[in-house]
Amino acid sequence: MSLGSMFITFEGIDGCGKTTQSILLAKYMSDLYGEDNVVLTREPGGTSFNELLRSVFCQFQTTRLISSQSYFYF
């Protein structure tokens, strides 16, 4: 069965289950279309640097950031 390409995103507030649902969908799609045809990623994520950047951003929810330093991330 030829499906073509799809890009599916999950949006919602913190703690609403986006990660859980995306993992469940990826498993379902992998079973249906093959593991080689499914890519699961998150923003920012996917590479070692992006995972490090993600951990820094997640840390800022509880710590204060100096505004001039925040420009270096973009």
PDB file of N, CA and C in Angstrom:
ATOM      1  N   MET A   1       0.843  -1.178   0.000  1.00  0.00           N
ATOM      2  CA  MET A   1       0.000   0.000   0.000  1.00  0.00           C
ATOM      3  C   MET A   1       0.882   1.233   0.000  1.00  0.00           C
ATOM      4  N   SER A   2       0.736   2.078  -0.999  1.00  0.00           N
ATOM      5  CA  SER A   2       1.503   3.308  -1.078  1.00  0.00           C
ATOM      6  C   SER A   2       0.762   4.419  -0.349  1.00  0.00           C
ATOM      7  N   LEU A   3       1.413   4.995   0.637  1.00  0.00           N
ATOM      8  CA  LEU A   3       0.768   5.999   1.469  1.00  0.00           C
ATOM      9  C   LEU A   3       1.200   7.407   1.116  1.00  0.00           C
ATOM     10  N   GLY A   4       2.397   7.600   0.614  1.00  0.00           N
ATOM     11  CA  GLY A   4       2.940   8.930   0.440  1.00  0.00           C
ATOM     12  C   GLY A   4       3.508   9.397   1.766  1.00  0.00           C
ATOM     13  N   SER A   5       3.768  10.668   1.854  1.00  0.00           N
ATOM     14  CA  SER A   5       4.363  11.207   3.079  1.00  0.00           C
ATOM     15  C   SER A   5       3.339  11.919   3.928  1.00  0.00           C
ATOM     16  N   MET A   6       3.537  11.850   5.244  1.00  0.00           N
ATOM     17  CA  MET A   6       2.700  12.579   6.196  1.00  0.00           C
ATOM     18  C   MET A   6       3.603  13.218   7.232  1.00  0.00           C
ATOM     19  N   PHE A   7       3.179  14.365   7.725  1.00  0.00           N
ATOM     20  CA  PHE A   7       3.854  15.019   8.838  1.00  0.00           C
ATOM     21  C   PHE A   7       2.781  15.309   9.864  1.00  0.00           C
ATOM     22  N   ILE A   8       2.844  14.644  11.006  1.00  0.00           N
ATOM     23  CA  ILE A   8       1.802  14.760  12.027  1.00  0.00           C
ATOM     24  C   ILE A   8       2.401  15.438  13.248  1.00  0.00           C
ATOM     25  N   THR A   9       1.713  16.440  13.770  1.00  0.00           N
ATOM     26  CA  THR A   9       2.179  17.116  14.981  1.00  0.00           C
ATOM     27  C   THR A   9       1.131  17.010  16.075  1.00  0.00           C
ATOM     28  N   PHE A  10       1.602  17.059  17.299  1.00  0.00           N
ATOM     29  CA  PHE A  10       0.721  17.083  18.465  1.00  0.00           C
ATOM     30  C   PHE A  10       0.974  18.390  19.202  1.00  0.00           C
ATOM     31  N   GLU A  11      -0.089  19.102  19.493  1.00  0.00           N
ATOM     32  CA  GLU A  11       0.027  20.354  20.228  1.00  0.00           C
ATOM     33  C   GLU A  11      -0.884  20.323  21.434  1.00  0.00           C
ATOM     34  N   GLY A  12      -0.487  21.012  22.479  1.00  0.00           N
ATOM     35  CA  GLY A  12      -1.296  21.083  23.684  1.00  0.00           C
ATOM     36  C   GLY A  12      -0.485  21.605  24.855  1.00  0.00           C
ATOM     37  N   ILE A  13      -1.153  21.802  25.964  1.00  0.00           N
ATOM     38  CA  ILE A  13      -0.496  22.334  27.147  1.00  0.00           C
ATOM     39  C   ILE A  13       0.396  21.278  27.794  1.00  0.00           C
ATOM     40  N   ASP A  14       1.275  21.728  28.670  1.00  0.00           N
ATOM     41  CA  ASP A  14       2.171  20.813  29.382  1.00  0.00           C
ATOM     42  C   ASP A  14       1.373  19.774  30.154  1.00  0.00           C
ATOM     43  N   GLY A  15       1.806  18.529  30.023  1.00  0.00           N
ATOM     44  CA  GLY A  15       1.194  17.456  30.795  1.00  0.00           C
ATOM     45  C   GLY A  15      -0.093  16.889  30.232  1.00  0.00           C
ATOM     46  N   CYS A  16      -0.451  17.267  29.003  1.00  0.00           N
ATOM     47  CA  CYS A  16      -1.726  16.780  28.449  1.00  0.00           C
ATOM     48  C   CYS A  16      -1.594  15.434  27.735  1.00  0.00           C
ATOM     49  N   GLY A  17      -0.359  14.930  27.573  1.00  0.00           N
ATOM     50  CA  GLY A  17      -0.185  13.612  26.972  1.00  0.00           C
ATOM     51  C   GLY A  17       0.328  13.607  25.546  1.00  0.00           C
ATOM     52  N   LYS A  18       0.929  14.695  25.091  1.00  0.00           N
ATOM     53  CA  LYS A  18       1.443  14.760  23.722  1.00  0.00           C
ATOM     54  C   LYS A  18       2.486  13.680  23.459  1.00  0.00           C
ATOM     55  N   THR A  19       3.427  13.529  24.369  1.00  0.00           N
ATOM     56  CA  THR A  19       4.483  12.530  24.195  1.00  0.00           C
ATOM     57  C   THR A  19       3.905  11.125  24.192  1.00  0.00           C
ATOM     58  N   THR A  20       3.020  10.841  25.115  1.00  0.00           N
ATOM     59  CA  THR A  20       2.387   9.522  25.187  1.00  0.00           C
ATOM     60  C   THR A  20       1.645   9.205  23.898  1.00  0.00           C
ATOM     61  N   GLN A  21       0.846  10.135  23.413  1.00  0.00           N
ATOM     62  CA  GLN A  21       0.066   9.905  22.200  1.00  0.00           C
ATOM     63  C   GLN A  21       0.950   9.776  20.969  1.00  0.00           C
ATOM     64  N   SER A  22       2.020  10.576  20.893  1.00  0.00           N
ATOM     65  CA  SER A  22       2.896  10.479  19.729  1.00  0.00           C
ATOM     66  C   SER A  22       3.642   9.146  19.707  1.00  0.00           C
ATOM     67  N   ILE A  23       4.039   8.648  20.873  1.00  0.00           N
ATOM     68  CA  ILE A  23       4.694   7.336  20.945  1.00  0.00           C
ATOM     69  C   ILE A  23       3.723   6.229  20.543  1.00  0.00           C
ATOM     70  N   LEU A  24       2.501   6.299  21.040  1.00  0.00           N
ATOM     71  CA  LEU A  24       1.492   5.294  20.678  1.00  0.00           C
ATOM     72  C   LEU A  24       1.198   5.310  19.180  1.00  0.00           C
ATOM     73  N   LEU A  25       1.080   6.511  18.596  1.00  0.00           N
ATOM     74  CA  LEU A  25       0.822   6.606  17.156  1.00  0.00           C
ATOM     75  C   LEU A  25       2.008   6.073  16.359  1.00  0.00           C
ATOM     76  N   ALA A  26       3.223   6.394  16.790  1.00  0.00           N
ATOM     77  CA  ALA A  26       4.409   5.905  16.085  1.00  0.00           C
ATOM     78  C   ALA A  26       4.475   4.378  16.116  1.00  0.00           C
ATOM     79  N   LYS A  27       4.156   3.781  17.252  1.00  0.00           N
ATOM     80  CA  LYS A  27       4.131   2.312  17.346  1.00  0.00           C
ATOM     81  C   LYS A  27       3.073   1.720  16.418  1.00  0.00           C
ATOM     82  N   TYR A  28       1.893   2.325  16.409  1.00  0.00           N
ATOM     83  CA  TYR A  28       0.810   1.848  15.550  1.00  0.00           C
ATOM     84  C   TYR A  28       1.207   1.956  14.076  1.00  0.00           C
ATOM     85  N   MET A  29       1.742   3.118  13.691  1.00  0.00           N
ATOM     86  CA  MET A  29       2.134   3.324  12.291  1.00  0.00           C
ATOM     87  C   MET A  29       3.285   2.390  11.902  1.00  0.00           C
ATOM     88  N   SER A  30       4.202   2.128  12.843  1.00  0.00           N
ATOM     89  CA  SER A  30       5.304   1.203  12.567  1.00  0.00           C
ATOM     90  C   SER A  30       4.789  -0.208  12.325  1.00  0.00           C
ATOM     91  N   ASP A  31       3.817  -0.627  13.123  1.00  0.00           N
ATOM     92  CA  ASP A  31       3.216  -1.948  12.925  1.00  0.00           C
ATOM     93  C   ASP A  31       2.490  -2.024  11.590  1.00  0.00           C
ATOM     94  N   LEU A  32       1.861  -0.941  11.205  1.00  0.00           N
ATOM     95  CA  LEU A  32       1.060  -0.912   9.990  1.00  0.00           C
ATOM     96  C   LEU A  32       1.908  -0.775   8.727  1.00  0.00           C
ATOM     97  N   TYR A  33       2.899   0.134   8.754  1.00  0.00           N
ATOM     98  CA  TYR A  33       3.656   0.466   7.547  1.00  0.00           C
ATOM     99  C   TYR A  33       5.132   0.086   7.602  1.00  0.00           C
ATOM    100  N   GLY A  34       5.584  -0.472   8.704  1.00  0.00           N
ATOM    101  CA  GLY A  34       6.989  -0.852   8.833  1.00  0.00           C
ATOM    102  C   GLY A  34       7.791   0.190   9.591  1.00  0.00           C
ATOM    103  N   GLU A  35       8.681  -0.304  10.407  1.00  0.00           N
ATOM    104  CA  GLU A  35       9.483   0.565  11.266  1.00  0.00           C
ATOM    105  C   GLU A  35      10.361   1.534  10.478  1.00  0.00           C
ATOM    106  N   ASP A  36      10.817   1.115   9.301  1.00  0.00           N
ATOM    107  CA  ASP A  36      11.678   1.969   8.480  1.00  0.00           C
ATOM    108  C   ASP A  36      10.925   3.140   7.861  1.00  0.00           C
ATOM    109  N   ASN A  37       9.616   3.116   7.894  1.00  0.00           N
ATOM    110  CA  ASN A  37       8.813   4.165   7.271  1.00  0.00           C
ATOM    111  C   ASN A  37       8.263   5.183   8.264  1.00  0.00           C
ATOM    112  N   VAL A  38       8.667   5.100   9.530  1.00  0.00           N
ATOM    113  CA  VAL A  38       8.150   6.001  10.563  1.00  0.00           C
ATOM    114  C   VAL A  38       9.313   6.675  11.276  1.00  0.00           C
ATOM    115  N   VAL A  39       9.214   7.989  11.435  1.00  0.00           N
ATOM    116  CA  VAL A  39      10.222   8.759  12.166  1.00  0.00           C
ATOM    117  C   VAL A  39       9.513   9.522  13.271  1.00  0.00           C
ATOM    118  N   LEU A  40       9.947   9.320  14.511  1.00  0.00           N
ATOM    119  CA  LEU A  40       9.390  10.031  15.656  1.00  0.00           C
ATOM    120  C   LEU A  40      10.442  11.006  16.159  1.00  0.00           C
ATOM    121  N   THR A  41      10.081  12.275  16.265  1.00  0.00           N
ATOM    122  CA  THR A  41      11.012  13.294  16.740  1.00  0.00           C
ATOM    123  C   THR A  41      10.266  14.301  17.593  1.00  0.00           C
ATOM    124  N   ARG A  42      10.992  15.231  18.188  1.00  0.00           N
ATOM    125  CA  ARG A  42      10.359  16.289  18.969  1.00  0.00           C
ATOM    126  C   ARG A  42      11.166  17.566  18.811  1.00  0.00           C
ATOM    127  N   GLU A  43      10.553  18.676  19.107  1.00  0.00           N
ATOM    128  CA  GLU A  43      11.184  19.985  18.938  1.00  0.00           C
ATOM    129  C   GLU A  43      11.635  20.555  20.253  1.00  0.00           C
ATOM    130  N   PRO A  44      12.785  21.162  20.374  1.00  0.00           N
ATOM    131  CA  PRO A  44      13.919  20.794  19.527  1.00  0.00           C
ATOM    132  C   PRO A  44      14.443  19.442  19.971  1.00  0.00           C
ATOM    133  N   GLY A  45      14.805  18.634  19.040  1.00  0.00           N
ATOM    134  CA  GLY A  45      15.298  17.304  19.365  1.00  0.00           C
ATOM    135  C   GLY A  45      15.769  16.583  18.125  1.00  0.00           C
ATOM    136  N   GLY A  46      16.186  15.368  18.276  1.00  0.00           N
ATOM    137  CA  GLY A  46      16.598  14.566  17.139  1.00  0.00           C
ATOM    138  C   GLY A  46      18.102  14.400  17.017  1.00  0.00           C
ATOM    139  N   THR A  47      18.864  15.395  17.479  1.00  0.00           N
ATOM    140  CA  THR A  47      20.317  15.283  17.470  1.00  0.00           C
ATOM    141  C   THR A  47      20.827  15.517  18.885  1.00  0.00           C
ATOM    142  N   SER A  48      22.075  15.182  19.117  1.00  0.00           N
ATOM    143  CA  SER A  48      22.659  15.367  20.452  1.00  0.00           C
ATOM    144  C   SER A  48      22.625  16.830  20.868  1.00  0.00           C
ATOM    145  N   PHE A  49      22.981  17.730  19.934  1.00  0.00           N
ATOM    146  CA  PHE A  49      22.972  19.158  20.249  1.00  0.00           C
ATOM    147  C   PHE A  49      21.558  19.642  20.553  1.00  0.00           C
ATOM    148  N   ASN A  50      20.595  19.219  19.754  1.00  0.00           N
ATOM    149  CA  ASN A  50      19.214  19.651  19.979  1.00  0.00           C
ATOM    150  C   ASN A  50      18.657  19.119  21.292  1.00  0.00           C
ATOM    151  N   GLU A  51      19.031  17.911  21.680  1.00  0.00           N
ATOM    152  CA  GLU A  51      18.592  17.377  22.969  1.00  0.00           C
ATOM    153  C   GLU A  51      19.196  18.186  24.115  1.00  0.00           C
ATOM    154  N   LEU A  52      20.461  18.596  23.969  1.00  0.00           N
ATOM    155  CA  LEU A  52      21.093  19.451  24.970  1.00  0.00           C
ATOM    156  C   LEU A  52      20.371  20.794  25.043  1.00  0.00           C
ATOM    157  N   LEU A  53      20.080  21.376  23.880  1.00  0.00           N
ATOM    158  CA  LEU A  53      19.351  22.640  23.827  1.00  0.00           C
ATOM    159  C   LEU A  53      17.974  22.499  24.455  1.00  0.00           C
ATOM    160  N   ARG A  54      17.311  21.398  24.196  1.00  0.00           N
ATOM    161  CA  ARG A  54      15.993  21.156  24.788  1.00  0.00           C
ATOM    162  C   ARG A  54      16.077  21.116  26.315  1.00  0.00           C
ATOM    163  N   SER A  55      17.098  20.444  26.836  1.00  0.00           N
ATOM    164  CA  SER A  55      17.228  20.371  28.293  1.00  0.00           C
ATOM    165  C   SER A  55      17.482  21.746  28.891  1.00  0.00           C
ATOM    166  N   VAL A  56      18.219  22.592  28.175  1.00  0.00           N
ATOM    167  CA  VAL A  56      18.453  23.960  28.647  1.00  0.00           C
ATOM    168  C   VAL A  56      17.144  24.732  28.669  1.00  0.00           C
ATOM    169  N   PHE A  57      16.357  24.647  27.604  1.00  0.00           N
ATOM    170  CA  PHE A  57      15.082  25.361  27.550  1.00  0.00           C
ATOM    171  C   PHE A  57      14.109  24.860  28.613  1.00  0.00           C
ATOM    172  N   CYS A  58      14.080  23.564  28.835  1.00  0.00           N
ATOM    173  CA  CYS A  58      13.180  23.022  29.857  1.00  0.00           C
ATOM    174  C   CYS A  58      13.592  23.478  31.248  1.00  0.00           C
ATOM    175  N   GLN A  59      14.880  23.690  31.442  1.00  0.00           N
ATOM    176  CA  GLN A  59      15.384  24.165  32.722  1.00  0.00           C
ATOM    177  C   GLN A  59      14.938  25.598  33.006  1.00  0.00           C
ATOM    178  N   PHE A  60      14.723  26.404  31.967  1.00  0.00           N
ATOM    179  CA  PHE A  60      14.370  27.810  32.136  1.00  0.00           C
ATOM    180  C   PHE A  60      12.974  28.003  32.699  1.00  0.00           C
ATOM    181  N   GLN A  61      12.188  26.957  32.766  1.00  0.00           N
ATOM    182  CA  GLN A  61      10.866  27.079  33.366  1.00  0.00           C
ATOM    183  C   GLN A  61      10.982  27.342  34.857  1.00  0.00           C
ATOM    184  N   THR A  62      12.078  26.922  35.468  1.00  0.00           N
ATOM    185  CA  THR A  62      12.228  27.083  36.915  1.00  0.00           C
ATOM    186  C   THR A  62      13.342  28.047  37.298  1.00  0.00           C
ATOM    187  N   THR A  63      14.156  28.464  36.325  1.00  0.00           N
ATOM    188  CA  THR A  63      15.229  29.406  36.623  1.00  0.00           C
ATOM    189  C   THR A  63      15.050  30.666  35.803  1.00  0.00           C
ATOM    190  N   ARG A  64      15.679  31.738  36.252  1.00  0.00           N
ATOM    191  CA  ARG A  64      15.563  33.019  35.559  1.00  0.00           C
ATOM    192  C   ARG A  64      16.711  33.158  34.561  1.00  0.00           C
ATOM    193  N   LEU A  65      16.410  33.671  33.398  1.00  0.00           N
ATOM    194  CA  LEU A  65      17.388  33.828  32.333  1.00  0.00           C
ATOM    195  C   LEU A  65      17.694  35.304  32.151  1.00  0.00           C
ATOM    196  N   ILE A  66      18.971  35.635  32.047  1.00  0.00           N
ATOM    197  CA  ILE A  66      19.343  37.015  31.742  1.00  0.00           C
ATOM    198  C   ILE A  66      19.018  37.252  30.280  1.00  0.00           C
ATOM    199  N   SER A  67      18.265  38.317  29.976  1.00  0.00           N
ATOM    200  CA  SER A  67      17.736  38.519  28.625  1.00  0.00           C
ATOM    201  C   SER A  67      18.831  38.598  27.569  1.00  0.00           C
ATOM    202  N   SER A  68      19.975  39.201  27.863  1.00  0.00           N
ATOM    203  CA  SER A  68      21.037  39.286  26.862  1.00  0.00           C
ATOM    204  C   SER A  68      21.601  37.909  26.530  1.00  0.00           C
ATOM    205  N   GLN A  69      21.594  36.983  27.487  1.00  0.00           N
ATOM    206  CA  GLN A  69      22.077  35.631  27.222  1.00  0.00           C
ATOM    207  C   GLN A  69      21.109  34.854  26.345  1.00  0.00           C
ATOM    208  N   SER A  70      19.829  35.137  26.456  1.00  0.00           N
ATOM    209  CA  SER A  70      18.840  34.376  25.694  1.00  0.00           C
ATOM    210  C   SER A  70      18.975  34.584  24.194  1.00  0.00           C
ATOM    211  N   TYR A  71      19.553  35.690  23.748  1.00  0.00           N
ATOM    212  CA  TYR A  71      19.717  35.938  22.317  1.00  0.00           C
ATOM    213  C   TYR A  71      20.693  34.959  21.672  1.00  0.00           C
ATOM    214  N   PHE A  72      21.622  34.423  22.438  1.00  0.00           N
ATOM    215  CA  PHE A  72      22.605  33.504  21.881  1.00  0.00           C
ATOM    216  C   PHE A  72      21.995  32.168  21.475  1.00  0.00           C
ATOM    217  N   TYR A  73      20.828  31.846  21.970  1.00  0.00           N
ATOM    218  CA  TYR A  73      20.177  30.587  21.624  1.00  0.00           C
ATOM    219  C   TYR A  73      19.470  30.650  20.284  1.00  0.00           C
ATOM    220  N   PHE A  74      19.262  31.848  19.775  1.00  0.00           N
ATOM    221  CA  PHE A  74      18.548  32.010  18.511  1.00  0.00           C
ATOM    222  C   PHE A  74      19.470  32.635  17.522  1.00  0.00           C
TER     223      PHE A  74
END
